[in-house]
Amino acid sequence: MTFIANYAFSKVLGTRDGTTDNGNGNGTGIDPFVLKNNYGPLEYDHTNILNMTYNWALPNFIKDESTLVMKLAGGAVNGWKISGYTAFQNGVPLQTTTGGNINTTYASGLTVPTVGNPTLPDNSIKLPNGLVANAVTTSTWFGSNAYNVLVPALTCDPRSGLHSVKTSAGSQNMRFNPACFTTPAYGQQGPIIMPYIRTPNYWDSDLGIYKSFHITESQSIQFKASATNWLNHPLGQFGLAGTGDESLLLQQTVNGVTSIAPTNTNAQTNGAPNFKTGSRFVTLALKYYF
């Protein structure tokens, strides 16, 4: 039997600037004025990575092949080999894969009094220059378009209060608490580097079993059965069918009146992936050697 394993414990830190030659990206740059404020775990950070491979020549279970029946049985039972591969790695920071603010949509179309309905509540945003706005954007919040991301403020640790929830893919564990996010105070930015909210872990196990049947000294037939994800363990993953399960909505409409919501109102985002991916895939093969 041969067995190979490697394990890495690491933390990949750097400046999030939205572009890199290593992977698809390293996270959105949020603070355009102070570069060091964008320093944190990057998009390709995986704290724990484990890989294992193994090959096992199974023992001969039938020792006595003195008779034809035992010889045939030994030919069928003895000589099998098993090989496999197993991999595990932690997920990455969710903030880096969701535009730096977990795809937050802020309130827009805020209700204001009109000529036809002068008694409507005034939910407009009062700007320092005396003007008003009916939408929360980086321009209305900071008076400048230098910021391209408005990060929600935290009312609690989004890694607290986690539990199992019902999703389209069945029961899944929450990765973050969406009730901890709110619109920051006017002119304020949420945490540029959020607490480390980790996407679901990845793990896979593949298995193959094979045996060669000798016909003559120079000819043989090899039978092989292999299975990818042989344990048939699908993995939860955010964003499999759109970004509905990883998008915050900080707007509410009650009785036709639109205002800034105190917390997330997107029902699809409950802190857990709505879908899973991956299933067992089996292949059978015969190979003739001559």
Protein backbone atom coordinates (compact mmCIF):
# COMPACT_ATOMS: atom_id res chain seq x y z
CA MET A 1 0.00 0.00 0.00
CA THR A 2 1.26 3.49 -0.82
CA PHE A 3 -0.15 6.65 0.75
CA ILE A 4 0.71 10.29 0.08
CA ALA A 5 -0.70 13.27 1.97
CA ASN A 6 0.07 16.96 2.09
CA TYR A 7 -1.41 19.65 4.29
CA ALA A 8 -1.07 23.43 4.24
CA PHE A 9 -2.08 25.85 6.98
CA SER A 10 -1.85 29.40 5.73
CA LYS A 11 -3.33 32.87 5.56
CA VAL A 12 -3.09 34.85 2.34
CA LEU A 13 -3.02 38.57 3.12
CA GLY A 14 -2.60 41.50 0.80
CA THR A 15 -4.10 44.71 -0.49
CA ARG A 16 -7.49 44.26 -2.08
CA ASP A 17 -7.39 46.23 -5.30
CA GLY A 18 -9.81 44.31 -7.51
CA THR A 19 -7.19 42.92 -9.86
CA THR A 20 -4.45 40.32 -9.67
CA ASP A 21 -2.59 37.80 -11.79
CA ASN A 22 -3.20 35.13 -9.15
CA GLY A 23 -6.73 33.79 -9.53
CA ASN A 24 -9.84 35.66 -10.58
CA GLY A 25 -9.31 38.58 -8.25
CA ASN A 26 -8.30 39.51 -4.76
CA GLY A 27 -11.31 41.47 -3.60
CA THR A 28 -12.70 44.90 -4.36
CA GLY A 29 -10.72 47.93 -3.27
CA ILE A 30 -13.02 50.04 -1.07
CA ASP A 31 -10.99 52.93 0.36
CA PRO A 32 -9.53 54.91 -2.57
CA PHE A 33 -7.63 57.31 -0.29
CA VAL A 34 -5.77 55.11 2.23
CA LEU A 35 -4.29 52.03 0.58
CA LYS A 36 -3.47 50.21 3.83
CA ASN A 37 -7.15 50.23 4.82
CA ASN A 38 -7.77 47.68 2.05
CA TYR A 39 -5.31 45.19 3.56
CA GLY A 40 -6.86 41.86 4.57
CA PRO A 41 -7.43 38.22 3.57
CA LEU A 42 -7.55 37.88 -0.20
CA GLU A 43 -10.05 36.05 -2.36
CA TYR A 44 -7.86 32.97 -2.77
CA ASP A 45 -7.18 32.51 0.94
CA HIS A 46 -7.89 28.94 2.12
CA THR A 47 -6.81 28.43 5.72
CA ASN A 48 -6.66 24.63 5.63
CA ILE A 49 -5.85 22.57 2.54
CA LEU A 50 -5.50 18.78 2.68
CA ASN A 51 -4.82 16.37 -0.21
CA MET A 52 -4.47 12.60 0.06
CA THR A 53 -3.86 9.85 -2.51
CA TYR A 54 -3.56 6.14 -1.91
CA ASN A 55 -3.06 2.87 -3.78
CA TRP A 56 -3.76 -0.48 -2.18
CA ALA A 57 -3.10 -3.89 -3.65
CA LEU A 58 -5.66 -6.03 -1.83
CA PRO A 59 -4.39 -9.28 -0.34
CA ASN A 60 -5.12 -12.60 -2.02
CA PHE A 61 -8.09 -13.96 -0.14
CA ILE A 62 -7.96 -17.38 -1.80
CA LYS A 63 -4.61 -19.06 -1.15
CA ASP A 64 -5.30 -22.59 -2.31
CA GLU A 65 -5.75 -22.81 -6.09
CA SER A 66 -5.01 -26.50 -6.41
CA THR A 67 -8.38 -27.31 -7.97
CA LEU A 68 -9.99 -25.81 -11.05
CA VAL A 69 -12.86 -24.36 -9.03
CA MET A 70 -10.50 -22.70 -6.56
CA LYS A 71 -8.30 -21.48 -9.39
CA LEU A 72 -11.28 -19.82 -11.09
CA ALA A 73 -12.41 -18.36 -7.79
CA GLY A 74 -8.93 -17.06 -7.11
CA GLY A 75 -8.80 -15.49 -10.55
CA ALA A 76 -12.03 -13.63 -9.81
CA VAL A 77 -11.32 -12.63 -6.19
CA ASN A 78 -7.56 -12.13 -5.97
CA GLY A 79 -5.49 -9.38 -7.52
CA TRP A 80 -7.82 -6.40 -7.09
CA LYS A 81 -6.36 -2.94 -6.52
CA ILE A 82 -7.93 0.20 -5.09
CA SER A 83 -6.80 3.77 -5.69
CA GLY A 84 -8.33 6.99 -4.44
CA TYR A 85 -8.00 10.71 -3.96
CA THR A 86 -9.47 12.91 -1.23
CA ALA A 87 -9.24 16.69 -1.01
CA PHE A 88 -10.47 19.26 1.52
CA GLN A 89 -10.10 23.02 1.70
CA ASN A 90 -11.72 25.84 3.65
CA GLY A 91 -13.87 28.38 1.88
CA VAL A 92 -12.77 31.91 1.08
CA PRO A 93 -13.83 35.30 2.56
CA LEU A 94 -17.37 36.00 1.34
CA GLN A 95 -16.75 39.76 1.25
CA THR A 96 -14.08 39.40 -1.44
CA THR A 97 -16.39 37.48 -3.76
CA THR A 98 -19.44 39.74 -3.42
CA GLY A 99 -18.24 43.18 -4.48
CA GLY A 100 -16.86 44.09 -1.06
CA ASN A 101 -20.33 44.63 0.49
CA ILE A 102 -22.12 41.28 0.07
CA ASN A 103 -23.90 42.61 -3.03
CA THR A 104 -25.89 45.07 -0.92
CA THR A 105 -28.76 46.94 -2.58
CA TYR A 106 -29.61 50.12 -0.72
CA ALA A 107 -32.92 51.96 -0.62
CA SER A 108 -34.03 53.90 -3.67
CA GLY A 109 -37.28 55.53 -4.72
CA LEU A 110 -37.78 56.72 -1.16
CA THR A 111 -41.25 58.07 -0.48
CA VAL A 112 -41.57 61.87 -0.34
CA PRO A 113 -44.59 64.20 -0.25
CA THR A 114 -45.94 65.09 -3.66
CA VAL A 115 -48.36 67.66 -4.98
CA GLY A 116 -51.00 64.99 -5.30
CA ASN A 117 -50.21 63.41 -1.91
CA PRO A 118 -48.79 66.14 0.37
CA THR A 119 -49.34 64.04 3.53
CA LEU A 120 -46.92 61.28 2.54
CA PRO A 121 -43.94 60.86 4.90
CA ASP A 122 -40.74 62.55 3.87
CA ASN A 123 -38.10 59.77 3.72
CA SER A 124 -35.71 61.75 1.53
CA ILE A 125 -32.02 62.14 2.30
CA LYS A 126 -31.00 65.68 3.23
CA LEU A 127 -27.68 66.59 1.60
CA PRO A 128 -25.22 69.11 3.11
CA ASN A 129 -25.71 71.48 0.17
CA GLY A 130 -29.42 71.80 0.96
CA LEU A 131 -30.61 69.47 -1.77
CA VAL A 132 -32.40 66.21 -1.16
CA ALA A 133 -32.08 62.73 -2.66
CA ASN A 134 -34.41 59.75 -2.73
CA ALA A 135 -31.75 57.02 -3.01
CA VAL A 136 -28.82 55.78 -0.93
CA THR A 137 -25.73 55.79 -3.14
CA THR A 138 -22.05 56.48 -2.63
CA SER A 139 -22.55 59.92 -4.20
CA THR A 140 -25.45 60.92 -1.96
CA TRP A 141 -23.80 59.37 1.14
CA PHE A 142 -20.32 60.85 0.71
CA GLY A 143 -20.96 63.77 -1.60
CA SER A 144 -18.41 62.32 -3.99
CA ASN A 145 -18.16 59.57 -6.57
CA ALA A 146 -14.62 58.69 -5.43
CA TYR A 147 -16.02 55.77 -3.45
CA ASN A 148 -17.44 53.01 -5.63
CA VAL A 149 -18.62 50.79 -2.76
CA LEU A 150 -20.80 51.55 0.26
CA VAL A 151 -20.23 48.89 2.90
CA PRO A 152 -23.12 48.14 5.29
CA ALA A 153 -22.61 48.78 9.00
CA LEU A 154 -22.74 45.94 11.52
CA THR A 155 -25.15 45.75 14.42
CA CYS A 156 -23.70 42.46 15.67
CA ASP A 157 -21.05 39.92 14.76
CA PRO A 158 -22.39 38.26 11.57
CA ARG A 159 -20.65 35.04 12.60
CA SER A 160 -22.87 34.74 15.70
CA GLY A 161 -26.30 33.21 16.07
CA LEU A 162 -25.74 30.69 13.28
CA HIS A 163 -27.92 27.61 12.96
CA SER A 164 -29.40 25.24 10.41
CA VAL A 165 -32.01 26.71 8.04
CA LYS A 166 -34.30 25.34 5.34
CA THR A 167 -33.22 26.03 1.75
CA SER A 168 -34.13 24.85 -1.73
CA ALA A 169 -31.44 22.18 -1.31
CA GLY A 170 -32.71 21.03 2.08
CA SER A 171 -31.33 21.85 5.50
CA GLN A 172 -28.05 23.77 5.45
CA ASN A 173 -25.89 25.51 8.02
CA MET A 174 -25.79 29.31 7.98
CA ARG A 175 -22.47 30.90 7.03
CA PHE A 176 -23.42 34.37 8.29
CA ASN A 177 -26.25 36.18 10.04
CA PRO A 178 -27.93 38.59 7.55
CA ALA A 179 -29.78 40.35 10.38
CA CYS A 180 -26.48 41.93 11.51
CA PHE A 181 -26.27 44.35 8.57
CA THR A 182 -27.76 47.82 8.27
CA THR A 183 -27.27 51.07 6.36
CA PRO A 184 -24.38 53.03 7.90
CA ALA A 185 -24.93 56.48 9.38
CA TYR A 186 -24.97 59.28 6.86
CA GLY A 187 -21.45 60.03 5.62
CA GLN A 188 -20.08 56.91 7.27
CA GLN A 189 -18.64 53.74 5.76
CA GLY A 190 -19.13 50.25 7.15
CA PRO A 191 -16.10 48.10 8.02
CA ILE A 192 -13.81 48.09 4.99
CA ILE A 193 -12.50 44.68 6.06
CA MET A 194 -15.48 42.76 7.44
CA PRO A 195 -15.19 39.91 9.94
CA TYR A 196 -14.02 36.76 8.15
CA ILE A 197 -17.26 35.25 6.83
CA ARG A 198 -16.20 32.00 5.20
CA THR A 199 -17.92 30.48 2.18
CA PRO A 200 -18.71 26.73 2.40
CA ASN A 201 -15.82 24.29 2.57
CA TYR A 202 -14.89 22.16 -0.42
CA TRP A 203 -14.19 18.48 -0.18
CA ASP A 204 -14.22 15.63 -2.65
CA SER A 205 -13.34 11.94 -2.61
CA ASP A 206 -12.75 9.85 -5.75
CA LEU A 207 -12.29 6.09 -5.82
CA GLY A 208 -11.25 3.49 -8.38
CA ILE A 209 -11.02 -0.28 -8.28
CA TYR A 210 -9.38 -2.36 -10.98
CA LYS A 211 -7.98 -5.78 -11.81
CA SER A 212 -6.13 -7.39 -14.68
CA PHE A 213 -7.25 -10.81 -15.95
CA HIS A 214 -4.40 -12.63 -17.70
CA ILE A 215 -5.30 -14.56 -20.82
CA THR A 216 -1.79 -15.54 -21.90
CA GLU A 217 1.65 -14.45 -20.82
CA SER A 218 1.46 -11.38 -23.07
CA GLN A 219 -2.29 -10.72 -23.17
CA SER A 220 -4.62 -9.49 -20.48
CA ILE A 221 -7.85 -7.59 -19.95
CA GLN A 222 -8.08 -4.90 -17.30
CA PHE A 223 -11.44 -4.05 -15.75
CA LYS A 224 -11.74 -0.71 -13.99
CA ALA A 225 -14.59 0.98 -12.15
CA SER A 226 -14.08 4.56 -11.00
CA ALA A 227 -16.34 7.02 -9.24
CA THR A 228 -15.96 10.77 -8.87
CA ASN A 229 -17.45 11.95 -5.56
CA TRP A 230 -18.07 8.30 -4.74
CA LEU A 231 -19.67 9.22 -1.39
CA ASN A 232 -22.28 11.24 -3.34
CA HIS A 233 -21.88 14.24 -1.07
CA PRO A 234 -23.13 17.45 -2.78
CA LEU A 235 -21.67 20.74 -1.57
CA GLY A 236 -23.54 23.93 -0.75
CA GLN A 237 -22.36 26.87 -2.83
CA PHE A 238 -23.44 30.50 -2.97
CA GLY A 239 -24.44 32.03 -6.29
CA LEU A 240 -25.31 28.83 -8.15
CA ALA A 241 -28.57 30.25 -9.51
CA GLY A 242 -27.96 33.98 -9.44
CA THR A 243 -26.78 35.91 -6.42
CA GLY A 244 -30.09 35.92 -4.55
CA ASP A 245 -28.67 33.91 -1.65
CA GLU A 246 -25.66 36.24 -1.21
CA SER A 247 -27.27 39.67 -1.63
CA LEU A 248 -28.50 42.02 1.07
CA LEU A 249 -31.46 44.36 0.58
CA LEU A 250 -31.73 47.36 2.91
CA GLN A 251 -35.03 48.74 1.64
CA GLN A 252 -38.57 48.17 2.81
CA THR A 253 -41.99 49.06 1.45
CA VAL A 254 -44.93 49.02 3.86
CA ASN A 255 -48.41 50.11 2.74
CA GLY A 256 -46.91 51.67 -0.35
CA VAL A 257 -44.37 53.72 1.63
CA THR A 258 -40.70 53.04 0.80
CA SER A 259 -38.03 53.71 3.39
CA ILE A 260 -34.57 52.59 4.52
CA ALA A 261 -34.85 49.18 6.21
CA PRO A 262 -33.16 48.70 9.58
CA THR A 263 -31.83 45.30 8.44
CA ASN A 264 -31.82 42.91 5.51
CA THR A 265 -35.20 42.33 3.84
CA ASN A 266 -34.11 39.94 1.08
CA ALA A 267 -35.91 36.70 1.95
CA GLN A 268 -33.62 34.67 -0.32
CA THR A 269 -30.58 35.62 1.75
CA ASN A 270 -30.84 33.65 4.98
CA GLY A 271 -27.12 33.16 5.47
CA ALA A 272 -26.90 29.74 3.80
CA PRO A 273 -26.49 28.67 0.17
CA ASN A 274 -29.81 27.96 -1.52
CA PHE A 275 -28.38 25.24 -3.74
CA LYS A 276 -25.86 22.42 -3.77
CA THR A 277 -23.65 21.09 -6.52
CA GLY A 278 -21.88 17.81 -7.18
CA SER A 279 -23.06 14.20 -7.46
CA ARG A 280 -21.58 10.74 -7.87
CA PHE A 281 -20.33 9.96 -11.39
CA VAL A 282 -19.38 6.37 -12.17
CA THR A 283 -17.45 5.08 -15.20
CA LEU A 284 -16.71 1.48 -16.19
CA ALA A 285 -13.91 0.54 -18.56
CA LEU A 286 -12.31 -2.51 -20.16
CA LYS A 287 -8.78 -2.38 -21.58
CA TYR A 288 -7.19 -5.13 -23.66
CA TYR A 289 -3.40 -5.50 -23.52
CA PHE A 290 -1.61 -7.51 -26.20
